[in-house]
Amino acid sequence: MRMLIAVLCVAAAVSAAGQEAPKKPEDSPLVKAAKAGGGPRKKPTKKVITNEDVKKSNGKLVVLPAKEGQQTAAAPPPPKGSLQRQD
């Protein structure tokens, strides 16, 4: 049994060594253009807000007073339902 396994291992090694490495297929024009135009991308200059940042925040809300001469806008009336529109 050991002799059979040893023979199979030797045969597999000989057949693998006798084969040439497969050649890579040539790239299509689209792939060539993507490789040529690609390069190192710039990192964003602004900090990206993540879920961790939101969890760490204290959630302080700043309310500014109204400016002089500026009126506060009143909330629009709620939309009427279909029955109210028919009346």
C-alpha atoms as a PDB file:
ATOM      1  CA  MET A   1       0.000   0.000   0.000  1.00  0.00           C
ATOM      2  CA  ARG A   2       2.826   2.377   0.895  1.00  0.00           C
ATOM      3  CA  MET A   3       4.574   1.492  -2.337  1.00  0.00           C
ATOM      4  CA  LEU A   4       1.459   2.449  -4.339  1.00  0.00           C
ATOM      5  CA  ILE A   5       1.166   5.833  -2.571  1.00  0.00           C
ATOM      6  CA  ALA A   6       4.880   6.523  -3.134  1.00  0.00           C
ATOM      7  CA  VAL A   7       4.571   5.681  -6.849  1.00  0.00           C
ATOM      8  CA  LEU A   8       1.528   7.951  -7.214  1.00  0.00           C
ATOM      9  CA  CYS A   9       3.322  10.843  -5.481  1.00  0.00           C
ATOM     10  CA  VAL A  10       6.375  10.463  -7.734  1.00  0.00           C
ATOM     11  CA  ALA A  11       4.164  10.278 -10.830  1.00  0.00           C
ATOM     12  CA  ALA A  12       2.270  13.420  -9.802  1.00  0.00           C
ATOM     13  CA  ALA A  13       5.517  15.311  -9.177  1.00  0.00           C
ATOM     14  CA  VAL A  14       6.970  14.271 -12.541  1.00  0.00           C
ATOM     15  CA  SER A  15       3.818  15.256 -14.448  1.00  0.00           C
ATOM     16  CA  ALA A  16       3.626  18.619 -12.665  1.00  0.00           C
ATOM     17  CA  ALA A  17       7.282  19.381 -13.388  1.00  0.00           C
ATOM     18  CA  GLY A  18       6.894  18.497 -17.066  1.00  0.00           C
ATOM     19  CA  GLN A  19       4.078  20.974 -17.666  1.00  0.00           C
ATOM     20  CA  GLU A  20       4.758  24.579 -18.518  1.00  0.00           C
ATOM     21  CA  ALA A  21       3.146  27.305 -16.461  1.00  0.00           C
ATOM     22  CA  PRO A  22      -0.047  28.542 -18.122  1.00  0.00           C
ATOM     23  CA  LYS A  23       0.382  31.866 -19.874  1.00  0.00           C
ATOM     24  CA  LYS A  24      -1.798  34.763 -18.817  1.00  0.00           C
ATOM     25  CA  PRO A  25      -4.360  35.762 -21.420  1.00  0.00           C
ATOM     26  CA  GLU A  26      -3.785  39.112 -23.050  1.00  0.00           C
ATOM     27  CA  ASP A  27      -5.758  41.983 -21.534  1.00  0.00           C
ATOM     28  CA  SER A  28      -8.653  43.491 -23.435  1.00  0.00           C
ATOM     29  CA  PRO A  29      -8.441  47.179 -24.463  1.00  0.00           C
ATOM     30  CA  LEU A  30     -10.805  48.132 -21.653  1.00  0.00           C
ATOM     31  CA  VAL A  31      -8.636  46.440 -19.020  1.00  0.00           C
ATOM     32  CA  LYS A  32      -5.502  48.047 -20.485  1.00  0.00           C
ATOM     33  CA  ALA A  33      -7.126  51.498 -20.281  1.00  0.00           C
ATOM     34  CA  ALA A  34      -8.198  50.905 -16.682  1.00  0.00           C
ATOM     35  CA  LYS A  35      -4.699  49.840 -15.687  1.00  0.00           C
ATOM     36  CA  ALA A  36      -3.126  52.803 -17.486  1.00  0.00           C
ATOM     37  CA  GLY A  37      -5.522  55.370 -15.985  1.00  0.00           C
ATOM     38  CA  GLY A  38      -5.484  53.879 -12.533  1.00  0.00           C
ATOM     39  CA  GLY A  39      -3.044  54.952  -9.930  1.00  0.00           C
ATOM     40  CA  PRO A  40      -2.846  55.729  -6.292  1.00  0.00           C
ATOM     41  CA  ARG A  41      -6.020  57.429  -5.200  1.00  0.00           C
ATOM     42  CA  LYS A  42      -5.950  60.454  -2.946  1.00  0.00           C
ATOM     43  CA  LYS A  43      -7.381  60.015   0.498  1.00  0.00           C
ATOM     44  CA  PRO A  44     -10.303  62.289   1.333  1.00  0.00           C
ATOM     45  CA  THR A  45      -9.213  65.509   2.998  1.00  0.00           C
ATOM     46  CA  LYS A  46     -12.272  65.626   5.235  1.00  0.00           C
ATOM     47  CA  LYS A  47     -12.861  63.191   8.065  1.00  0.00           C
ATOM     48  CA  VAL A  48     -15.441  60.572   7.288  1.00  0.00           C
ATOM     49  CA  ILE A  49     -18.112  60.279   9.983  1.00  0.00           C
ATOM     50  CA  THR A  50     -18.546  56.706  11.137  1.00  0.00           C
ATOM     51  CA  ASN A  51     -20.970  55.003  13.509  1.00  0.00           C
ATOM     52  CA  GLU A  52     -18.312  55.111  16.234  1.00  0.00           C
ATOM     53  CA  ASP A  53     -18.096  58.886  15.918  1.00  0.00           C
ATOM     54  CA  VAL A  54     -21.864  59.196  16.269  1.00  0.00           C
ATOM     55  CA  LYS A  55     -21.900  56.979  19.356  1.00  0.00           C
ATOM     56  CA  LYS A  56     -19.083  58.992  20.977  1.00  0.00           C
ATOM     57  CA  SER A  57     -20.736  62.360  20.394  1.00  0.00           C
ATOM     58  CA  ASN A  58     -22.508  64.107  23.252  1.00  0.00           C
ATOM     59  CA  GLY A  59     -25.388  65.307  21.096  1.00  0.00           C
ATOM     60  CA  LYS A  60     -25.326  68.959  22.150  1.00  0.00           C
ATOM     61  CA  LEU A  61     -27.794  71.148  20.291  1.00  0.00           C
ATOM     62  CA  VAL A  62     -27.066  74.841  19.850  1.00  0.00           C
ATOM     63  CA  VAL A  63     -30.131  77.078  19.529  1.00  0.00           C
ATOM     64  CA  LEU A  64     -29.394  80.542  18.169  1.00  0.00           C
ATOM     65  CA  PRO A  65     -31.657  83.483  18.964  1.00  0.00           C
ATOM     66  CA  ALA A  66     -33.661  85.034  16.122  1.00  0.00           C
ATOM     67  CA  LYS A  67     -32.085  88.044  14.428  1.00  0.00           C
ATOM     68  CA  GLU A  68     -33.710  91.439  14.687  1.00  0.00           C
ATOM     69  CA  GLY A  69     -36.178  92.117  11.872  1.00  0.00           C
ATOM     70  CA  GLN A  70     -36.458  88.456  10.997  1.00  0.00           C
ATOM     71  CA  GLN A  71     -39.773  86.798  11.640  1.00  0.00           C
ATOM     72  CA  THR A  72     -40.037  83.180  12.594  1.00  0.00           C
ATOM     73  CA  ALA A  73     -41.889  81.146  10.027  1.00  0.00           C
ATOM     74  CA  ALA A  74     -45.114  79.600  11.226  1.00  0.00           C
ATOM     75  CA  ALA A  75     -45.604  75.929  10.574  1.00  0.00           C
ATOM     76  CA  PRO A  76     -47.875  75.220   7.602  1.00  0.00           C
ATOM     77  CA  PRO A  77     -51.278  73.743   8.454  1.00  0.00           C
ATOM     78  CA  PRO A  78     -51.422  69.953   8.311  1.00  0.00           C
ATOM     79  CA  PRO A  79     -52.620  68.545   4.984  1.00  0.00           C
ATOM     80  CA  LYS A  80     -56.300  67.809   4.766  1.00  0.00           C
ATOM     81  CA  GLY A  81     -57.495  64.264   4.475  1.00  0.00           C
ATOM     82  CA  SER A  82     -59.532  63.025   1.540  1.00  0.00           C
ATOM     83  CA  LEU A  83     -62.851  63.436   3.443  1.00  0.00           C
ATOM     84  CA  GLN A  84     -62.026  66.997   4.493  1.00  0.00           C
ATOM     85  CA  ARG A  85     -61.141  67.943   0.913  1.00  0.00           C
ATOM     86  CA  GLN A  86     -64.525  66.734  -0.339  1.00  0.00           C
ATOM     87  CA  ASP A  87     -66.427  69.030   2.051  1.00  0.00           C
END
